[in-house]
Amino acid sequence: MTLSPKRVYAISGACFLFGLAILVYTSYWWPGILLVIGLSLAIRHFFLGRSYDLLRSLGFFIGLFVVDELGLSLHLFFAILLTFGATLVLLRRFRDCLRIN
C-alpha cells in the first residue's frame, strides 16, 4: 500500500494522540510514553516502507520499556544496544563489500 508522506504523518500523529489519551486515562505515564512514541514511529516507518528504521525504532523503545518494567540496569541495555548496532554496521559494510566484488 502506497500512501503519501502527508497521510502517513497524519496517521502516525493520530496514533500518537490515541496513545496519549490512553496514558491520560490510565495514568501510566512512565514507561508507557516509551510505547506510545515507539509505536507511532513504527507505524510511520511501516507506511513509508522503511523496514530497517521500523525494526530499529521498535527495538529501542520496546527495549527501554522492558528494561524499566523488569528493573534491569540501563547500563546493560545500552551496552547490548551499542554492541547490536556495531554488529549491524559491520554486517552492512561487509555485505556492501561482497556486492561490489
Protein backbone atom coordinates (compact mmCIF):
# COMPACT_ATOMS: atom_id res chain seq x y z
CA MET A 1 0.00 0.00 0.00
CA THR A 2 1.42 3.36 -1.00
CA LEU A 3 0.42 6.42 0.94
CA SER A 4 1.63 9.98 0.58
CA PRO A 5 4.00 11.18 3.31
CA LYS A 6 1.37 13.72 4.36
CA ARG A 7 -1.15 10.94 5.06
CA VAL A 8 1.47 8.81 6.78
CA TYR A 9 2.36 11.63 9.18
CA ALA A 10 -1.35 12.22 9.85
CA ILE A 11 -1.88 8.53 10.67
CA SER A 12 1.15 8.31 12.94
CA GLY A 13 0.18 11.59 14.62
CA ALA A 14 -3.34 10.29 15.26
CA CYS A 15 -1.92 7.07 16.73
CA PHE A 16 0.33 9.14 18.99
CA LEU A 17 -2.68 11.15 20.22
CA PHE A 18 -4.70 7.96 20.82
CA GLY A 19 -1.76 6.63 22.82
CA LEU A 20 -1.61 9.81 24.87
CA ALA A 21 -5.34 9.56 25.54
CA ILE A 22 -4.82 6.03 26.87
CA LEU A 23 -1.95 7.26 29.08
CA VAL A 24 -4.10 10.08 30.45
CA TYR A 25 -6.92 7.66 31.21
CA THR A 26 -4.68 5.05 32.87
CA SER A 27 -2.16 7.47 34.46
CA TYR A 28 0.58 5.10 33.29
CA TRP A 29 2.99 7.79 32.07
CA TRP A 30 6.29 6.06 32.67
CA PRO A 31 7.25 3.83 30.89
CA GLY A 32 4.00 3.95 28.87
CA ILE A 33 5.21 7.01 26.96
CA LEU A 34 8.04 4.85 25.57
CA LEU A 35 5.50 2.52 23.99
CA VAL A 36 3.45 5.38 22.59
CA ILE A 37 6.48 7.03 20.97
CA GLY A 38 7.89 3.74 19.73
CA LEU A 39 4.64 2.52 18.21
CA SER A 40 3.82 5.81 16.50
CA LEU A 41 7.32 5.87 14.96
CA ALA A 42 6.99 2.23 13.93
CA ILE A 43 3.65 2.94 12.23
CA ARG A 44 5.24 5.87 10.36
CA HIS A 45 8.18 3.76 9.19
CA PHE A 46 5.88 0.88 8.22
CA PHE A 47 3.72 3.02 5.92
CA LEU A 48 6.78 4.74 4.44
CA GLY A 49 8.30 1.34 3.65
CA ARG A 50 11.33 1.76 5.90
CA SER A 51 11.62 -1.72 7.39
CA TYR A 52 15.13 -1.15 8.82
CA ASP A 53 14.02 2.01 10.64
CA LEU A 54 10.87 0.23 11.82
CA LEU A 55 12.88 -2.53 13.49
CA ARG A 56 15.36 -0.08 14.95
CA SER A 57 12.61 2.10 16.49
CA LEU A 58 10.72 -0.85 17.90
CA GLY A 59 13.88 -2.40 19.29
CA PHE A 60 14.96 0.77 21.03
CA PHE A 61 11.68 1.90 22.57
CA ILE A 62 10.30 -1.52 23.45
CA GLY A 63 13.74 -2.44 24.80
CA LEU A 64 13.71 0.59 27.09
CA PHE A 65 10.17 -0.27 28.18
CA VAL A 66 11.14 -3.86 29.04
CA VAL A 67 14.30 -2.76 30.86
CA ASP A 68 12.30 -0.37 33.01
CA GLU A 69 9.46 -2.82 33.66
CA LEU A 70 11.83 -5.60 34.69
CA GLY A 71 14.04 -3.28 36.74
CA LEU A 72 17.16 -4.13 34.76
CA SER A 73 20.24 -1.95 34.52
CA LEU A 74 20.24 0.72 31.83
CA HIS A 75 24.00 0.22 31.55
CA LEU A 76 23.43 -3.34 30.43
CA PHE A 77 20.72 -2.29 27.96
CA PHE A 78 22.89 0.38 26.35
CA ALA A 79 25.88 -1.98 26.19
CA ILE A 80 23.74 -4.56 24.39
CA LEU A 81 22.22 -1.86 22.15
CA LEU A 82 25.61 -0.46 21.16
CA THR A 83 27.01 -3.93 20.51
CA PHE A 84 23.99 -4.79 18.39
CA GLY A 85 24.30 -1.50 16.48
CA ALA A 86 28.00 -2.01 15.81
CA THR A 87 27.31 -5.53 14.58
CA LEU A 88 24.64 -4.23 12.19
CA VAL A 89 27.01 -1.60 10.81
CA LEU A 90 29.75 -4.19 10.27
CA LEU A 91 27.39 -6.65 8.61
CA ARG A 92 26.01 -3.95 6.34
CA ARG A 93 29.51 -2.87 5.27
CA PHE A 94 30.59 -6.46 4.77
CA ARG A 95 27.54 -7.08 2.61
CA ASP A 96 28.33 -3.96 0.56
CA CYS A 97 31.93 -5.15 0.04
CA LEU A 98 30.72 -8.53 -1.19
CA ARG A 99 28.26 -6.90 -3.57
CA ILE A 100 30.97 -4.74 -5.20
CA ASN A 101 33.31 -7.64 -5.96
